[in-house]
N, C-alpha and C. Protein backbone atom coordinates (compact mmCIF):
# COMPACT_ATOMS: atom_id res chain seq x y z
N UNK A 1 -40.46 99.14 4.46
CA UNK A 1 -39.13 99.40 5.83
C UNK A 1 -39.98 101.48 6.27
N UNK A 2 -39.60 101.56 7.20
CA UNK A 2 -39.81 103.65 7.32
C UNK A 2 -38.58 103.24 7.72
N UNK A 3 -38.45 105.02 7.03
CA UNK A 3 -37.52 105.61 7.45
C UNK A 3 -37.80 106.80 8.39
N UNK A 4 -36.49 106.37 9.17
CA UNK A 4 -36.59 107.47 10.67
C UNK A 4 -35.99 108.50 10.27
N UNK A 5 -37.00 109.76 11.30
CA UNK A 5 -36.11 110.89 11.24
C UNK A 5 -34.27 110.68 11.44
N UNK A 6 -33.69 111.43 10.41
CA UNK A 6 -32.47 111.78 10.89
C UNK A 6 -32.25 112.47 12.47
N UNK A 7 -31.57 112.53 13.34
CA UNK A 7 -31.61 112.45 14.18
C UNK A 7 -29.86 112.86 15.06
N UNK A 8 -30.30 114.47 15.14
CA UNK A 8 -28.86 115.69 15.26
C UNK A 8 -28.10 115.57 16.48
N UNK A 9 -27.13 115.66 16.76
CA UNK A 9 -26.62 115.48 18.33
C UNK A 9 -26.43 117.43 19.36
N UNK A 10 -26.91 117.41 20.04
CA UNK A 10 -27.06 118.02 20.70
C UNK A 10 -25.95 119.19 20.23
N UNK A 11 -26.20 120.77 19.74
CA UNK A 11 -25.00 121.30 19.86
C UNK A 11 -24.46 121.81 21.93
N UNK A 12 -22.92 122.24 21.90
CA UNK A 12 -22.71 122.61 22.90
C UNK A 12 -23.63 123.71 23.21
N UNK A 13 -23.67 124.23 24.06
CA UNK A 13 -23.64 125.76 25.42
C UNK A 13 -22.72 125.53 26.29
N UNK A 14 -22.13 126.84 26.67
CA UNK A 14 -21.42 127.41 27.55
C UNK A 14 -21.44 128.57 27.65
N UNK A 15 -20.99 128.78 28.88
CA UNK A 15 -21.44 130.16 29.77
C UNK A 15 -20.72 131.36 30.00
N UNK A 16 -20.08 132.10 30.06
CA UNK A 16 -18.76 132.97 29.83
C UNK A 16 -19.25 133.77 29.75
N UNK A 17 -17.31 134.36 30.24
CA UNK A 17 -17.45 136.22 30.57
C UNK A 17 -16.49 136.67 29.89
N UNK A 18 -17.77 137.85 28.68
CA UNK A 18 -17.14 138.83 27.82
C UNK A 18 -15.68 139.78 28.43
N UNK A 19 -14.67 138.76 27.39
CA UNK A 19 -13.16 139.77 27.55
C UNK A 19 -12.90 141.17 26.82
N UNK A 20 -13.31 140.54 24.89
CA UNK A 20 -13.03 141.14 25.04
C UNK A 20 -13.87 141.94 23.65
N UNK A 21 -14.47 143.01 23.55
CA UNK A 21 -15.49 143.57 22.16
C UNK A 21 -15.09 144.13 20.69
N UNK A 22 -13.57 144.61 20.80
CA UNK A 22 -13.28 145.25 20.31
C UNK A 22 -13.44 145.48 18.70
N UNK A 23 -13.65 144.13 18.06
CA UNK A 23 -13.80 142.88 17.04
C UNK A 23 -15.58 144.00 15.86
N UNK A 24 -15.83 143.63 15.32
CA UNK A 24 -16.90 144.41 15.05
C UNK A 24 -17.05 142.02 14.80
N UNK A 25 -18.98 142.37 15.39
CA UNK A 25 -19.30 141.11 15.25
C UNK A 25 -18.60 140.29 15.17
N UNK A 26 -17.56 140.35 16.78
CA UNK A 26 -17.24 139.35 17.28
C UNK A 26 -17.00 139.63 19.10
N UNK A 27 -16.88 138.46 19.56
CA UNK A 27 -16.40 138.72 20.58
C UNK A 27 -15.58 137.93 21.28
N UNK A 28 -14.72 137.73 22.31
CA UNK A 28 -13.74 136.42 22.98
C UNK A 28 -14.47 136.37 23.89
N UNK A 29 -14.66 135.31 24.32
CA UNK A 29 -15.77 134.79 25.74
C UNK A 29 -14.68 133.91 26.78
N UNK A 30 -14.42 134.29 28.08
CA UNK A 30 -13.71 133.40 28.67
C UNK A 30 -14.92 131.91 29.67
N UNK A 31 -14.68 131.25 29.56
CA UNK A 31 -15.24 129.93 29.52
C UNK A 31 -14.37 129.03 30.98
N UNK A 32 -14.98 129.33 32.14
CA UNK A 32 -13.79 128.24 33.13
C UNK A 32 -14.36 127.74 33.23
N UNK A 33 -13.98 126.68 33.49
CA UNK A 33 -13.99 124.84 34.14
C UNK A 33 -12.66 124.68 34.62
N UNK A 34 -13.71 123.37 35.62
CA UNK A 34 -13.24 123.24 37.25
C UNK A 34 -12.83 122.05 36.57
N UNK A 35 -11.36 121.19 37.21
CA UNK A 35 -11.29 120.63 36.61
C UNK A 35 -10.34 119.78 38.49
N UNK A 36 -10.77 118.08 37.75
CA UNK A 36 -9.66 117.76 39.74
C UNK A 36 -8.46 117.30 38.75
N UNK A 37 -6.62 116.93 39.26
CA UNK A 37 -6.16 116.41 38.70
C UNK A 37 -6.14 115.19 39.08
N UNK A 38 -5.49 114.39 37.57
CA UNK A 38 -5.73 113.24 37.54
C UNK A 38 -4.83 112.44 38.75
N UNK A 39 -3.65 113.07 38.92
CA UNK A 39 -2.75 112.42 39.60
C UNK A 39 -2.64 113.52 41.08
N UNK A 40 -2.87 114.06 41.41
CA UNK A 40 -2.77 115.33 42.97
C UNK A 40 -4.32 115.30 43.51
N UNK A 41 -5.75 115.42 42.49
CA UNK A 41 -6.85 115.69 43.44
C UNK A 41 -7.04 116.78 43.39
N UNK A 42 -6.36 118.02 43.02
CA UNK A 42 -7.01 118.81 43.70
C UNK A 42 -7.25 119.67 41.98
N UNK A 43 -8.85 120.60 42.74
CA UNK A 43 -9.16 121.33 41.96
C UNK A 43 -8.91 122.54 41.12
N UNK A 44 -8.42 122.30 39.85
CA UNK A 44 -7.99 123.56 39.54
C UNK A 44 -8.68 124.01 38.20
N UNK A 45 -8.63 125.43 38.07
CA UNK A 45 -9.39 126.06 37.13
C UNK A 45 -8.71 126.11 36.08
N UNK A 46 -8.98 125.86 34.66
CA UNK A 46 -8.92 126.37 33.72
C UNK A 46 -9.20 126.91 33.23
N UNK A 47 -9.07 127.69 31.54
CA UNK A 47 -9.90 128.91 31.01
C UNK A 47 -9.80 128.36 29.84
N UNK A 48 -11.00 128.85 29.13
CA UNK A 48 -11.16 128.52 27.58
C UNK A 48 -11.08 129.72 26.70
N UNK A 49 -10.51 130.31 25.67
CA UNK A 49 -10.80 131.68 25.08
C UNK A 49 -11.85 131.43 23.70
N UNK A 50 -13.13 131.46 23.92
CA UNK A 50 -14.05 131.01 22.55
C UNK A 50 -13.97 133.02 21.84
N UNK A 51 -14.03 132.62 20.34
CA UNK A 51 -14.44 133.66 20.24
C UNK A 51 -15.59 133.38 19.66
N UNK A 52 -16.42 134.26 19.51
CA UNK A 52 -18.30 134.29 19.46
C UNK A 52 -18.81 135.77 18.08
N UNK A 53 -19.15 135.05 17.50
CA UNK A 53 -19.84 135.78 16.48
C UNK A 53 -21.69 136.07 17.06
N UNK A 54 -20.72 137.82 16.65
CA UNK A 54 -22.03 138.73 18.09
C UNK A 54 -22.50 139.47 16.80
N UNK A 55 -24.12 138.79 15.96
CA UNK A 55 -24.86 139.49 14.78
C UNK A 55 -24.87 141.10 15.02
N UNK A 56 -25.63 141.44 16.17
CA UNK A 56 -26.08 142.68 17.03
C UNK A 56 -24.50 143.50 17.34
N UNK A 57 -23.88 143.31 17.81
CA UNK A 57 -23.37 143.96 19.09
C UNK A 57 -23.50 144.64 20.03
N UNK A 58 -24.53 142.95 20.68
CA UNK A 58 -24.77 143.16 21.87
C UNK A 58 -23.87 143.73 23.31
N UNK A 59 -23.15 142.39 22.98
CA UNK A 59 -23.00 142.04 24.22
C UNK A 59 -21.56 143.18 24.36
N UNK A 60 -21.42 143.66 25.78
CA UNK A 60 -19.71 144.46 26.08
C UNK A 60 -18.59 143.38 27.20
N UNK A 61 -18.14 144.10 27.04
CA UNK A 61 -16.97 143.53 28.21
C UNK A 61 -18.06 143.04 29.52
N UNK A 62 -17.52 141.97 30.16
CA UNK A 62 -17.78 142.31 31.73
C UNK A 62 -19.05 141.43 31.22
N UNK A 63 -19.84 141.48 30.32
CA UNK A 63 -21.19 140.99 30.29
C UNK A 63 -21.11 139.13 30.20
N UNK A 64 -22.10 138.44 31.17
CA UNK A 64 -21.63 137.29 31.31
C UNK A 64 -22.90 136.52 30.41
N UNK A 65 -22.34 135.91 29.79
CA UNK A 65 -22.91 135.29 27.98
C UNK A 65 -23.21 133.86 27.70
N UNK A 66 -24.45 133.50 27.37
CA UNK A 66 -23.87 132.36 26.45
C UNK A 66 -23.89 131.89 25.28
N UNK A 67 -23.01 130.73 25.67
CA UNK A 67 -23.18 130.91 23.61
C UNK A 67 -23.24 129.28 23.28
N UNK A 68 -23.54 128.84 22.41
CA UNK A 68 -23.62 128.10 20.78
C UNK A 68 -22.60 127.01 19.98
N UNK A 69 -22.56 126.31 20.19
CA UNK A 69 -21.41 125.70 18.87
C UNK A 69 -22.35 126.14 17.69
N UNK A 70 -21.63 126.25 16.45
CA UNK A 70 -21.97 126.29 15.21
C UNK A 70 -20.73 126.18 14.56
N UNK A 71 -21.78 125.90 13.08
CA UNK A 71 -20.50 126.00 11.72
C UNK A 71 -18.93 126.78 12.02
N UNK A 72 -18.39 126.53 11.21
CA UNK A 72 -17.07 127.29 11.38
C UNK A 72 -16.98 128.64 10.91
N UNK A 73 -17.05 129.86 11.77
CA UNK A 73 -17.14 130.38 11.05
C UNK A 73 -15.96 132.15 10.15
N UNK A 74 -15.28 131.80 11.12
CA UNK A 74 -13.53 132.69 10.28
C UNK A 74 -13.19 131.30 10.33
N UNK A 75 -11.70 131.79 10.50
CA UNK A 75 -10.77 130.97 10.73
C UNK A 75 -9.98 130.75 12.35
N UNK A 76 -11.29 131.75 13.43
CA UNK A 76 -10.95 131.52 14.45
C UNK A 76 -12.70 131.02 15.32
N UNK A 77 -13.20 131.15 14.69
CA UNK A 77 -15.60 131.31 15.51
C UNK A 77 -15.72 130.62 15.20
N UNK A 78 -16.05 129.41 15.66
CA UNK A 78 -16.64 128.48 16.29
C UNK A 78 -18.14 128.13 16.72
N UNK A 79 -18.42 129.51 17.24
CA UNK A 79 -19.72 129.72 18.05
C UNK A 79 -20.37 130.99 17.50
N UNK A 80 -21.58 130.52 18.73
CA UNK A 80 -22.63 132.12 18.94
C UNK A 80 -23.45 132.38 19.98
N UNK A 81 -23.45 134.20 19.72
CA UNK A 81 -23.82 134.08 20.63
C UNK A 81 -25.57 133.71 20.43
N UNK A 82 -25.93 133.05 21.85
CA UNK A 82 -27.09 133.12 22.32
C UNK A 82 -27.92 133.86 22.51
N UNK A 83 -27.33 134.71 23.44
CA UNK A 83 -27.89 135.40 24.65
C UNK A 83 -27.24 136.30 25.63
N UNK A 84 -27.49 137.68 26.44
CA UNK A 84 -27.01 137.75 27.28
C UNK A 84 -27.47 138.09 28.53
N UNK A 85 -26.72 136.30 29.45
CA UNK A 85 -27.38 135.89 30.48
C UNK A 85 -27.13 137.66 31.64
N UNK A 86 -26.73 138.84 31.95
CA UNK A 86 -26.06 139.40 32.54
C UNK A 86 -24.91 140.30 32.54
N UNK A 87 -25.94 141.85 31.92
CA UNK A 87 -25.00 143.07 32.00
C UNK A 87 -24.22 143.19 33.17
N UNK A 88 -23.40 143.71 32.07
CA UNK A 88 -22.01 144.38 33.26
C UNK A 88 -21.76 145.67 34.07
N UNK A 89 -21.56 145.83 35.53
CA UNK A 89 -21.92 147.06 36.16
C UNK A 89 -21.41 148.07 36.19
């Protein structure tokens, strides 16, 4: 029998807008998700606030960023910054 390499599932990746950068090495990102209401069939916009680890304090309020799921880094942080997609004007 040959052992097959362990297959890990892909990490979740989300794109959102930075709402706050007041903390050191932490940003809050708002991620919008459009969902169809199960009963009324209308499209609803749901917003999630993600606490994201930003090592170099690169992102600022208004920037569009890409974040990736990671191990728990603190009480609330479970995401890390991958890249800044677009800077705020």
